[in-house]
């Protein structure tokens, strides 16, 4: 059982453009049975966790096209907004991920917890020590701006990689937060090495 952030990103690190469009992603060729495929990943998932923007995107795109809610597994939406769940499997929560750790583990039934998105929620899980790895499919496209993949300073460790048609697929373990240049600890160590 692990907390996992599985997503696709542009080469310059964006999940969606400034208008929350995924057009850059939907036209890319991929082998559904290829390396690091969604089906292989999802077979080990017991619960899906997402933020409001991801939830809203699903409502405005998937459900607006007449498709059903895409997950039969329990889904938790982290938000401070008052929203009415569109499916019985959805639970709305607010607050820090650490406040919900035991509940998420219980509901997952011993399977993985999938942080669906967005990047800020995944980073909150990492800051709470609740992100084991990040699995990204990197598309050969740049956007220049948009919704960032992971808007925090963290060190990662590459565990595996492969190619799936247009995508470079990689799995990273989370090492921990990276200090910003000029942090007190960095300044102190730099001063010590200079003497």
N, C-alpha and C. Protein backbone atom coordinates (compact mmCIF):
# COMPACT_ATOMS: atom_id res chain seq x y z
N UNK A 1 0.85 -1.18 0.00
CA UNK A 1 0.00 0.00 0.00
C UNK A 1 0.88 1.23 0.00
N UNK A 2 0.58 2.18 -0.90
CA UNK A 2 1.38 3.39 -0.99
C UNK A 2 0.49 4.56 -1.39
N UNK A 3 0.97 5.76 -1.08
CA UNK A 3 0.35 6.99 -1.56
C UNK A 3 1.06 7.35 -2.85
N UNK A 4 0.31 7.42 -3.97
CA UNK A 4 0.94 7.60 -5.28
C UNK A 4 0.27 8.72 -6.06
N UNK A 5 1.10 9.51 -6.70
CA UNK A 5 0.64 10.58 -7.58
C UNK A 5 0.93 10.13 -9.00
N UNK A 6 -0.11 9.74 -9.73
CA UNK A 6 0.01 9.21 -11.09
C UNK A 6 -0.67 10.20 -12.02
N UNK A 7 0.10 10.76 -12.97
CA UNK A 7 -0.46 11.81 -13.82
C UNK A 7 0.34 11.93 -15.11
N UNK A 8 -0.12 12.82 -15.97
CA UNK A 8 0.62 13.17 -17.19
C UNK A 8 0.99 14.63 -17.10
N UNK A 9 2.11 14.98 -17.72
CA UNK A 9 2.59 16.35 -17.69
C UNK A 9 3.21 16.73 -19.03
N UNK A 10 3.26 18.02 -19.29
CA UNK A 10 4.01 18.50 -20.46
C UNK A 10 5.49 18.46 -20.11
N UNK A 11 6.33 18.59 -21.12
CA UNK A 11 7.77 18.58 -20.90
C UNK A 11 8.21 19.71 -19.99
N UNK A 12 7.49 20.84 -20.02
CA UNK A 12 7.86 21.96 -19.15
C UNK A 12 7.06 21.97 -17.83
N UNK A 13 6.44 20.85 -17.50
CA UNK A 13 5.91 20.68 -16.15
C UNK A 13 4.54 21.22 -15.85
N UNK A 14 3.61 21.13 -16.82
CA UNK A 14 2.24 21.59 -16.57
C UNK A 14 1.25 20.46 -16.79
N UNK A 15 0.22 20.44 -15.93
CA UNK A 15 -0.86 19.44 -16.03
C UNK A 15 -1.95 19.87 -16.99
N UNK A 16 -2.17 21.17 -17.07
CA UNK A 16 -3.22 21.74 -17.92
C UNK A 16 -2.79 23.15 -18.29
N UNK A 17 -3.41 23.69 -19.33
CA UNK A 17 -3.05 25.06 -19.71
C UNK A 17 -3.76 26.07 -18.81
N UNK A 18 -3.63 27.34 -19.12
CA UNK A 18 -4.21 28.40 -18.28
C UNK A 18 -5.73 28.36 -18.22
N UNK A 19 -6.35 27.62 -19.14
CA UNK A 19 -7.82 27.50 -19.18
C UNK A 19 -8.27 26.11 -18.75
N UNK A 20 -7.37 25.37 -18.09
CA UNK A 20 -7.63 24.00 -17.61
C UNK A 20 -7.93 23.03 -18.74
N UNK A 21 -7.42 23.32 -19.93
CA UNK A 21 -7.61 22.42 -21.07
C UNK A 21 -6.55 21.33 -21.07
N UNK A 22 -6.97 20.12 -21.46
CA UNK A 22 -6.05 19.00 -21.63
C UNK A 22 -5.88 18.64 -23.11
N UNK A 23 -6.16 19.58 -23.99
CA UNK A 23 -6.01 19.32 -25.43
C UNK A 23 -4.62 18.82 -25.77
N UNK A 24 -3.62 19.35 -25.08
CA UNK A 24 -2.23 18.96 -25.33
C UNK A 24 -2.02 17.46 -25.07
N UNK A 25 -2.83 16.87 -24.20
CA UNK A 25 -2.68 15.48 -23.80
C UNK A 25 -3.51 14.53 -24.65
N UNK A 26 -4.75 14.92 -24.91
CA UNK A 26 -5.71 13.98 -25.49
C UNK A 26 -5.38 13.53 -26.90
N UNK A 27 -4.56 14.28 -27.62
CA UNK A 27 -4.20 13.88 -28.98
C UNK A 27 -2.90 13.11 -29.09
N UNK A 28 -2.25 12.82 -27.95
CA UNK A 28 -0.96 12.12 -27.98
C UNK A 28 -1.16 10.61 -28.12
N UNK A 29 -0.36 9.97 -28.97
CA UNK A 29 -0.47 8.51 -29.09
C UNK A 29 0.11 7.79 -27.87
N UNK A 30 -0.61 6.77 -27.41
CA UNK A 30 -0.16 5.98 -26.27
C UNK A 30 -0.67 4.55 -26.44
N UNK A 31 0.10 3.59 -25.97
CA UNK A 31 -0.29 2.19 -25.99
C UNK A 31 -0.95 1.89 -24.65
N UNK A 32 -2.27 1.65 -24.67
CA UNK A 32 -3.02 1.41 -23.43
C UNK A 32 -2.50 0.21 -22.65
N UNK A 33 -1.80 -0.70 -23.32
CA UNK A 33 -1.22 -1.87 -22.66
C UNK A 33 0.29 -1.76 -22.52
N UNK A 34 0.82 -0.58 -22.81
CA UNK A 34 2.26 -0.39 -22.78
C UNK A 34 2.82 -0.13 -21.39
N UNK A 35 4.10 0.23 -21.33
CA UNK A 35 4.77 0.46 -20.05
C UNK A 35 4.07 1.51 -19.20
N UNK A 36 3.99 1.24 -17.90
CA UNK A 36 3.41 2.14 -16.91
C UNK A 36 2.00 2.58 -17.29
N UNK A 37 1.24 1.64 -17.81
CA UNK A 37 -0.11 1.94 -18.30
C UNK A 37 -1.06 2.24 -17.14
N UNK A 38 -2.11 2.96 -17.47
CA UNK A 38 -3.14 3.30 -16.50
C UNK A 38 -3.78 2.05 -15.92
N UNK A 39 -4.10 1.08 -16.77
CA UNK A 39 -4.79 -0.13 -16.29
C UNK A 39 -3.94 -0.89 -15.28
N UNK A 40 -2.64 -1.02 -15.55
CA UNK A 40 -1.75 -1.70 -14.61
C UNK A 40 -1.69 -0.95 -13.28
N UNK A 41 -1.59 0.38 -13.37
CA UNK A 41 -1.54 1.19 -12.16
C UNK A 41 -2.85 1.08 -11.39
N UNK A 42 -3.97 1.24 -12.07
CA UNK A 42 -5.28 1.31 -11.42
C UNK A 42 -5.68 -0.01 -10.78
N UNK A 43 -5.13 -1.12 -11.25
CA UNK A 43 -5.46 -2.44 -10.67
C UNK A 43 -5.10 -2.51 -9.19
N UNK A 44 -4.15 -1.68 -8.75
CA UNK A 44 -3.71 -1.70 -7.35
C UNK A 44 -4.23 -0.53 -6.54
N UNK A 45 -5.19 0.22 -7.08
CA UNK A 45 -5.71 1.41 -6.42
C UNK A 45 -6.99 1.10 -5.67
N UNK A 46 -7.07 1.55 -4.40
CA UNK A 46 -8.27 1.33 -3.60
C UNK A 46 -9.09 2.58 -3.36
N UNK A 47 -8.48 3.75 -3.62
CA UNK A 47 -9.16 5.02 -3.37
C UNK A 47 -8.54 6.11 -4.23
N UNK A 48 -9.37 7.02 -4.72
CA UNK A 48 -8.90 8.16 -5.51
C UNK A 48 -9.09 9.43 -4.70
N UNK A 49 -8.07 10.30 -4.73
CA UNK A 49 -8.11 11.55 -3.98
C UNK A 49 -7.82 12.69 -4.95
N UNK A 50 -8.60 13.75 -4.88
CA UNK A 50 -8.41 14.87 -5.81
C UNK A 50 -8.77 16.19 -5.15
N UNK A 51 -8.33 17.27 -5.79
CA UNK A 51 -8.71 18.60 -5.35
C UNK A 51 -9.93 19.08 -6.13
N UNK A 52 -10.39 20.27 -5.79
CA UNK A 52 -11.60 20.80 -6.40
C UNK A 52 -11.46 21.01 -7.90
N UNK A 53 -10.31 21.52 -8.35
CA UNK A 53 -10.15 21.81 -9.78
C UNK A 53 -10.24 20.54 -10.61
N UNK A 54 -9.65 19.46 -10.14
CA UNK A 54 -9.74 18.18 -10.85
C UNK A 54 -11.18 17.67 -10.85
N UNK A 55 -11.83 17.76 -9.71
CA UNK A 55 -13.24 17.35 -9.61
C UNK A 55 -14.10 18.16 -10.59
N UNK A 56 -13.88 19.47 -10.61
CA UNK A 56 -14.65 20.36 -11.49
C UNK A 56 -14.40 20.02 -12.97
N UNK A 57 -13.14 19.69 -13.30
CA UNK A 57 -12.80 19.32 -14.67
C UNK A 57 -13.57 18.06 -15.08
N UNK A 58 -13.64 17.09 -14.19
CA UNK A 58 -14.38 15.87 -14.50
C UNK A 58 -15.86 16.18 -14.74
N UNK A 59 -16.44 17.05 -13.91
CA UNK A 59 -17.85 17.41 -14.10
C UNK A 59 -18.07 18.14 -15.42
N UNK A 60 -17.18 19.08 -15.73
CA UNK A 60 -17.36 19.92 -16.92
C UNK A 60 -17.01 19.22 -18.22
N UNK A 61 -16.24 18.16 -18.15
CA UNK A 61 -15.80 17.48 -19.37
C UNK A 61 -16.36 16.07 -19.48
N UNK A 62 -16.04 15.21 -18.53
CA UNK A 62 -16.52 13.83 -18.61
C UNK A 62 -18.04 13.73 -18.45
N UNK A 63 -18.54 14.27 -17.33
CA UNK A 63 -19.97 14.14 -17.07
C UNK A 63 -20.80 15.00 -18.00
N UNK A 64 -20.27 16.14 -18.44
CA UNK A 64 -21.00 17.01 -19.37
C UNK A 64 -21.21 16.34 -20.72
N UNK A 65 -20.36 15.37 -21.04
CA UNK A 65 -20.49 14.62 -22.29
C UNK A 65 -21.39 13.40 -22.12
N UNK A 66 -22.02 13.29 -20.95
CA UNK A 66 -22.93 12.17 -20.70
C UNK A 66 -22.27 10.93 -20.16
N UNK A 67 -20.98 11.01 -19.87
CA UNK A 67 -20.28 9.86 -19.31
C UNK A 67 -20.57 9.77 -17.82
N UNK A 68 -20.51 8.56 -17.25
CA UNK A 68 -20.74 8.42 -15.80
C UNK A 68 -19.51 8.86 -15.02
N UNK A 69 -19.67 9.04 -13.71
CA UNK A 69 -18.53 9.31 -12.84
C UNK A 69 -17.51 8.19 -13.07
N UNK A 70 -16.24 8.53 -13.32
CA UNK A 70 -15.29 7.53 -13.81
C UNK A 70 -14.78 6.52 -12.79
N UNK A 71 -15.06 6.70 -11.50
CA UNK A 71 -14.49 5.80 -10.50
C UNK A 71 -15.57 5.14 -9.66
N UNK A 72 -15.54 3.82 -9.62
CA UNK A 72 -16.43 3.08 -8.72
C UNK A 72 -15.80 2.97 -7.34
N UNK A 73 -14.49 3.08 -7.27
CA UNK A 73 -13.81 3.05 -5.98
C UNK A 73 -14.15 4.33 -5.21
N UNK A 74 -13.96 4.34 -3.89
CA UNK A 74 -14.21 5.58 -3.13
C UNK A 74 -13.35 6.73 -3.65
N UNK A 75 -13.94 7.91 -3.71
CA UNK A 75 -13.23 9.12 -4.15
C UNK A 75 -13.38 10.19 -3.09
N UNK A 76 -12.27 10.79 -2.70
CA UNK A 76 -12.27 11.88 -1.73
C UNK A 76 -11.90 13.16 -2.46
N UNK A 77 -12.70 14.21 -2.26
CA UNK A 77 -12.43 15.52 -2.85
C UNK A 77 -12.04 16.47 -1.71
N UNK A 78 -10.82 16.97 -1.78
CA UNK A 78 -10.33 17.94 -0.80
C UNK A 78 -10.68 19.34 -1.26
N UNK A 79 -11.53 20.03 -0.50
CA UNK A 79 -11.92 21.39 -0.85
C UNK A 79 -12.53 22.09 0.36
N UNK A 80 -12.47 23.42 0.34
CA UNK A 80 -13.15 24.21 1.37
C UNK A 80 -14.51 24.68 0.85
N UNK A 81 -14.80 24.40 -0.42
CA UNK A 81 -16.08 24.80 -1.00
C UNK A 81 -17.19 23.86 -0.56
N UNK A 82 -18.38 24.38 -0.53
CA UNK A 82 -19.55 23.54 -0.25
C UNK A 82 -20.02 22.95 -1.57
N UNK A 83 -19.77 21.68 -1.78
CA UNK A 83 -20.19 21.03 -3.03
C UNK A 83 -21.05 19.82 -2.71
N UNK A 84 -21.91 19.52 -3.64
CA UNK A 84 -22.80 18.36 -3.52
C UNK A 84 -22.22 17.23 -4.36
N UNK A 85 -21.81 16.11 -3.76
CA UNK A 85 -21.24 15.01 -4.53
C UNK A 85 -22.20 14.51 -5.60
N UNK A 86 -21.65 14.19 -6.78
CA UNK A 86 -22.48 13.72 -7.89
C UNK A 86 -22.59 12.20 -7.94
N UNK A 87 -21.92 11.52 -7.01
CA UNK A 87 -21.93 10.06 -7.01
C UNK A 87 -21.81 9.58 -5.56
N UNK A 88 -22.40 8.42 -5.28
CA UNK A 88 -22.38 7.87 -3.92
C UNK A 88 -20.98 7.54 -3.42
N UNK A 89 -20.04 7.35 -4.34
CA UNK A 89 -18.68 6.97 -3.94
C UNK A 89 -17.83 8.16 -3.51
N UNK A 90 -18.37 9.39 -3.61
CA UNK A 90 -17.60 10.61 -3.35
C UNK A 90 -17.81 11.10 -1.92
N UNK A 91 -16.70 11.41 -1.27
CA UNK A 91 -16.71 12.03 0.06
C UNK A 91 -15.97 13.35 -0.03
N UNK A 92 -16.56 14.41 0.48
CA UNK A 92 -15.94 15.74 0.46
C UNK A 92 -15.32 16.00 1.82
N UNK A 93 -14.03 16.39 1.82
CA UNK A 93 -13.31 16.68 3.06
C UNK A 93 -12.54 17.99 2.89
N UNK A 94 -12.11 18.54 4.02
CA UNK A 94 -11.27 19.75 3.97
C UNK A 94 -10.16 19.60 4.99
N UNK A 95 -9.19 20.48 4.92
CA UNK A 95 -8.09 20.45 5.88
C UNK A 95 -6.85 19.79 5.32
N UNK A 96 -5.89 19.62 6.20
CA UNK A 96 -4.59 19.04 5.86
C UNK A 96 -4.74 17.54 5.60
N UNK A 97 -4.01 16.99 4.61
CA UNK A 97 -4.10 15.54 4.37
C UNK A 97 -3.80 14.70 5.60
N UNK A 98 -2.88 15.16 6.46
CA UNK A 98 -2.52 14.38 7.65
C UNK A 98 -3.72 14.15 8.56
N UNK A 99 -4.68 15.08 8.56
CA UNK A 99 -5.88 14.93 9.39
C UNK A 99 -6.73 13.75 8.95
N UNK A 100 -6.55 13.32 7.70
CA UNK A 100 -7.39 12.27 7.12
C UNK A 100 -6.63 10.99 6.83
N UNK A 101 -5.38 10.92 7.26
CA UNK A 101 -4.51 9.78 6.93
C UNK A 101 -5.14 8.44 7.28
N UNK A 102 -5.55 8.26 8.53
CA UNK A 102 -6.08 6.96 8.96
C UNK A 102 -7.36 6.60 8.22
N UNK A 103 -8.19 7.58 7.98
CA UNK A 103 -9.44 7.32 7.26
C UNK A 103 -9.15 6.88 5.83
N UNK A 104 -8.22 7.55 5.16
CA UNK A 104 -7.86 7.18 3.79
C UNK A 104 -7.29 5.76 3.73
N UNK A 105 -6.45 5.44 4.69
CA UNK A 105 -5.87 4.09 4.74
C UNK A 105 -6.95 3.05 4.99
N UNK A 106 -7.87 3.34 5.88
CA UNK A 106 -8.96 2.40 6.16
C UNK A 106 -9.82 2.16 4.93
N UNK A 107 -10.19 3.26 4.26
CA UNK A 107 -11.07 3.16 3.09
C UNK A 107 -10.37 2.48 1.91
N UNK A 108 -9.05 2.60 1.83
CA UNK A 108 -8.31 2.03 0.69
C UNK A 108 -8.32 0.50 0.69
N UNK A 109 -8.64 -0.10 1.82
CA UNK A 109 -8.72 -1.55 1.87
C UNK A 109 -7.39 -2.25 1.63
N UNK A 110 -6.30 -1.61 2.02
CA UNK A 110 -4.99 -2.23 1.85
C UNK A 110 -4.38 -2.00 0.48
N UNK A 111 -5.10 -1.27 -0.39
CA UNK A 111 -4.56 -0.95 -1.72
C UNK A 111 -3.98 0.46 -1.72
N UNK A 112 -3.46 0.87 -2.87
CA UNK A 112 -2.82 2.18 -2.99
C UNK A 112 -3.84 3.32 -2.94
N UNK A 113 -3.37 4.46 -2.44
CA UNK A 113 -4.13 5.72 -2.46
C UNK A 113 -3.60 6.51 -3.65
N UNK A 114 -4.48 6.82 -4.61
CA UNK A 114 -4.08 7.55 -5.80
C UNK A 114 -4.42 9.03 -5.64
N UNK A 115 -3.39 9.86 -5.60
CA UNK A 115 -3.61 11.30 -5.64
C UNK A 115 -3.75 11.65 -7.12
N UNK A 116 -4.99 11.86 -7.55
CA UNK A 116 -5.29 12.08 -8.96
C UNK A 116 -4.76 13.44 -9.41
N UNK A 117 -4.91 14.45 -8.58
CA UNK A 117 -4.50 15.81 -8.92
C UNK A 117 -5.32 16.79 -8.13
N UNK A 118 -4.92 18.02 -8.22
CA UNK A 118 -3.81 18.54 -8.99
C UNK A 118 -2.49 18.53 -8.23
N UNK A 119 -1.57 19.27 -8.84
CA UNK A 119 -0.22 19.32 -8.33
C UNK A 119 -0.11 19.89 -6.93
N UNK A 120 -0.92 20.89 -6.63
CA UNK A 120 -0.85 21.49 -5.30
C UNK A 120 -1.30 20.49 -4.23
N UNK A 121 -2.33 19.71 -4.51
CA UNK A 121 -2.78 18.70 -3.55
C UNK A 121 -1.71 17.63 -3.37
N UNK A 122 -1.10 17.19 -4.46
CA UNK A 122 -0.03 16.20 -4.36
C UNK A 122 1.11 16.73 -3.51
N UNK A 123 1.44 18.02 -3.68
CA UNK A 123 2.50 18.63 -2.88
C UNK A 123 2.11 18.71 -1.41
N UNK A 124 0.83 18.95 -1.12
CA UNK A 124 0.38 18.95 0.28
C UNK A 124 0.54 17.57 0.90
N UNK A 125 0.26 16.53 0.13
CA UNK A 125 0.47 15.16 0.62
C UNK A 125 1.95 14.92 0.88
N UNK A 126 2.81 15.40 -0.01
CA UNK A 126 4.25 15.23 0.18
C UNK A 126 4.72 15.96 1.44
N UNK A 127 4.24 17.17 1.64
CA UNK A 127 4.62 17.94 2.82
C UNK A 127 4.17 17.26 4.11
N UNK A 128 3.08 16.50 4.03
CA UNK A 128 2.58 15.77 5.20
C UNK A 128 3.27 14.41 5.36
N UNK A 129 4.25 14.11 4.50
CA UNK A 129 4.92 12.81 4.55
C UNK A 129 4.03 11.69 4.06
N UNK A 130 3.09 12.03 3.18
CA UNK A 130 2.10 11.06 2.69
C UNK A 130 2.16 10.90 1.17
N UNK A 131 3.35 10.97 0.61
CA UNK A 131 3.50 10.71 -0.82
C UNK A 131 4.73 9.83 -0.99
N UNK A 132 4.50 8.59 -1.45
CA UNK A 132 5.60 7.64 -1.62
C UNK A 132 6.27 7.78 -2.97
N UNK A 133 5.48 7.95 -4.01
CA UNK A 133 6.09 8.14 -5.31
C UNK A 133 5.21 8.94 -6.26
N UNK A 134 5.87 9.39 -7.33
CA UNK A 134 5.23 10.17 -8.38
C UNK A 134 5.50 9.45 -9.69
N UNK A 135 4.43 9.10 -10.40
CA UNK A 135 4.55 8.39 -11.68
C UNK A 135 4.02 9.34 -12.74
N UNK A 136 4.88 9.77 -13.65
CA UNK A 136 4.49 10.78 -14.63
C UNK A 136 4.73 10.27 -16.05
N UNK A 137 3.79 10.58 -16.91
CA UNK A 137 3.94 10.35 -18.35
C UNK A 137 4.17 11.72 -18.96
N UNK A 138 5.36 11.92 -19.50
CA UNK A 138 5.79 13.23 -19.98
C UNK A 138 5.56 13.31 -21.49
N UNK A 139 4.69 14.26 -21.89
CA UNK A 139 4.34 14.42 -23.30
C UNK A 139 5.33 15.35 -24.00
N UNK A 140 5.56 15.14 -25.29
CA UNK A 140 6.50 15.98 -26.05
C UNK A 140 5.85 17.29 -26.50
N UNK A 141 5.46 18.10 -25.52
CA UNK A 141 4.82 19.38 -25.82
C UNK A 141 5.13 20.33 -24.67
N UNK A 142 5.22 21.61 -24.98
CA UNK A 142 5.40 22.63 -23.94
C UNK A 142 4.24 23.61 -24.02
N UNK A 143 3.89 24.18 -22.87
CA UNK A 143 2.80 25.15 -22.80
C UNK A 143 3.25 26.54 -22.39
N UNK A 144 4.34 26.63 -21.66
CA UNK A 144 4.83 27.92 -21.22
C UNK A 144 4.21 28.42 -19.93
N UNK A 145 3.00 28.01 -19.65
CA UNK A 145 2.32 28.36 -18.40
C UNK A 145 1.12 27.44 -18.24
N UNK A 146 0.54 27.47 -17.05
CA UNK A 146 -0.63 26.63 -16.79
C UNK A 146 -0.62 26.11 -15.36
N UNK A 147 -1.28 24.96 -15.15
CA UNK A 147 -1.35 24.33 -13.83
C UNK A 147 -0.09 23.49 -13.62
N UNK A 148 0.73 23.84 -12.63
CA UNK A 148 2.01 23.14 -12.46
C UNK A 148 1.86 21.70 -11.98
N UNK A 149 2.79 20.88 -12.41
CA UNK A 149 2.85 19.48 -12.02
C UNK A 149 3.02 19.33 -10.51
N UNK A 150 3.90 20.14 -9.90
CA UNK A 150 4.23 19.97 -8.49
C UNK A 150 4.86 21.27 -8.00
N UNK A 151 4.07 22.19 -7.46
CA UNK A 151 4.56 23.53 -7.18
C UNK A 151 5.28 23.70 -5.83
N UNK A 152 6.15 22.77 -5.49
CA UNK A 152 6.96 22.87 -4.28
C UNK A 152 8.37 22.42 -4.61
N UNK A 153 9.32 22.79 -3.74
CA UNK A 153 10.72 22.40 -3.92
C UNK A 153 10.93 21.05 -3.22
N UNK A 154 11.11 19.98 -4.00
CA UNK A 154 11.33 18.64 -3.45
C UNK A 154 12.41 17.93 -4.24
N UNK A 155 13.17 17.10 -3.55
CA UNK A 155 14.11 16.20 -4.21
C UNK A 155 13.40 14.88 -4.46
N UNK A 156 13.64 14.32 -5.65
CA UNK A 156 13.06 13.05 -6.05
C UNK A 156 14.19 12.10 -6.43
N UNK A 157 13.89 10.81 -6.46
CA UNK A 157 14.88 9.81 -6.86
C UNK A 157 14.25 8.95 -7.96
N UNK A 158 14.87 8.94 -9.13
CA UNK A 158 14.36 8.16 -10.26
C UNK A 158 14.47 6.67 -9.97
N UNK A 159 13.33 5.96 -10.02
CA UNK A 159 13.29 4.53 -9.74
C UNK A 159 13.21 3.68 -11.02
N UNK A 160 12.46 4.16 -11.99
CA UNK A 160 12.35 3.43 -13.26
C UNK A 160 11.84 4.36 -14.34
N UNK A 161 12.10 4.00 -15.60
CA UNK A 161 11.61 4.80 -16.72
C UNK A 161 11.44 3.90 -17.93
N UNK A 162 10.61 4.35 -18.86
CA UNK A 162 10.37 3.60 -20.09
C UNK A 162 9.74 4.55 -21.09
N UNK A 163 9.54 4.08 -22.30
CA UNK A 163 8.86 4.86 -23.33
C UNK A 163 7.55 4.17 -23.67
N UNK A 164 6.50 4.96 -23.75
CA UNK A 164 5.21 4.48 -24.21
C UNK A 164 4.76 5.39 -25.35
N UNK A 165 5.07 4.97 -26.57
CA UNK A 165 4.81 5.76 -27.78
C UNK A 165 5.32 7.19 -27.63
N UNK A 166 4.43 8.21 -27.54
CA UNK A 166 4.89 9.59 -27.48
C UNK A 166 5.44 9.97 -26.10
N UNK A 167 5.18 9.16 -25.09
CA UNK A 167 5.48 9.56 -23.72
C UNK A 167 6.76 8.95 -23.16
N UNK A 168 7.49 9.76 -22.42
CA UNK A 168 8.54 9.26 -21.55
C UNK A 168 7.88 9.05 -20.20
N UNK A 169 7.87 7.82 -19.71
CA UNK A 169 7.21 7.48 -18.45
C UNK A 169 8.27 7.25 -17.38
N UNK A 170 8.06 7.84 -16.22
CA UNK A 170 9.06 7.72 -15.16
C UNK A 170 8.38 7.63 -13.80
N UNK A 171 9.00 6.86 -12.92
CA UNK A 171 8.54 6.75 -11.53
C UNK A 171 9.64 7.23 -10.61
N UNK A 172 9.29 8.19 -9.76
CA UNK A 172 10.23 8.77 -8.82
C UNK A 172 9.76 8.51 -7.39
N UNK A 173 10.68 8.18 -6.50
CA UNK A 173 10.33 8.17 -5.08
C UNK A 173 10.57 9.58 -4.54
N UNK A 174 9.88 9.90 -3.47
CA UNK A 174 9.98 11.23 -2.87
C UNK A 174 11.08 11.19 -1.81
N UNK A 175 12.12 12.01 -2.01
CA UNK A 175 13.22 12.06 -1.05
C UNK A 175 12.88 13.00 0.09
N UNK A 176 12.44 14.22 -0.24
CA UNK A 176 12.06 15.17 0.79
C UNK A 176 12.15 16.59 0.31
N UNK A 177 11.74 17.54 1.15
CA UNK A 177 11.76 18.95 0.75
C UNK A 177 13.18 19.42 0.47
N UNK A 178 13.31 20.33 -0.48
CA UNK A 178 14.59 20.95 -0.83
C UNK A 178 14.60 22.35 -0.27
N UNK A 179 15.67 22.70 0.42
CA UNK A 179 15.78 24.04 0.99
C UNK A 179 15.96 25.07 -0.13
N UNK A 180 15.35 26.20 0.06
CA UNK A 180 15.51 27.29 -0.90
C UNK A 180 16.88 27.94 -0.69
N UNK A 181 17.51 28.42 -1.76
CA UNK A 181 18.78 29.12 -1.58
C UNK A 181 18.59 30.29 -0.61
N UNK A 182 19.54 30.42 0.31
CA UNK A 182 19.44 31.50 1.27
C UNK A 182 18.76 31.11 2.57
N UNK A 183 18.24 29.86 2.66
CA UNK A 183 17.67 29.41 3.93
C UNK A 183 18.74 29.45 5.01
N UNK A 184 18.34 29.60 6.25
CA UNK A 184 19.29 29.74 7.36
C UNK A 184 20.28 28.59 7.41
N UNK A 185 19.81 27.36 7.20
CA UNK A 185 20.70 26.19 7.27
C UNK A 185 21.73 26.24 6.14
N UNK A 186 21.29 26.65 4.93
CA UNK A 186 22.22 26.75 3.80
C UNK A 186 23.26 27.83 4.06
N UNK A 187 22.82 28.96 4.60
CA UNK A 187 23.71 30.09 4.86
C UNK A 187 24.74 29.70 5.91
N UNK A 188 24.29 28.99 6.97
CA UNK A 188 25.19 28.58 8.02
C UNK A 188 26.24 27.60 7.52
N UNK A 189 25.81 26.63 6.70
CA UNK A 189 26.77 25.64 6.19
C UNK A 189 27.73 26.28 5.21
N UNK A 190 27.26 27.27 4.43
CA UNK A 190 28.15 27.95 3.51
C UNK A 190 29.19 28.75 4.27
N UNK A 191 28.78 29.39 5.38
CA UNK A 191 29.72 30.16 6.19
C UNK A 191 30.75 29.25 6.86
N UNK A 192 30.32 28.08 7.31
CA UNK A 192 31.22 27.14 7.95
C UNK A 192 32.26 26.62 6.98
N UNK A 193 31.85 26.35 5.72
CA UNK A 193 32.78 25.82 4.74
C UNK A 193 33.78 26.87 4.27
N UNK A 194 33.43 28.14 4.44
CA UNK A 194 34.30 29.22 4.01
C UNK A 194 35.42 29.48 5.02
N UNK A 195 35.27 29.00 6.28
CA UNK A 195 36.28 29.28 7.31
C UNK A 195 37.35 28.22 7.36
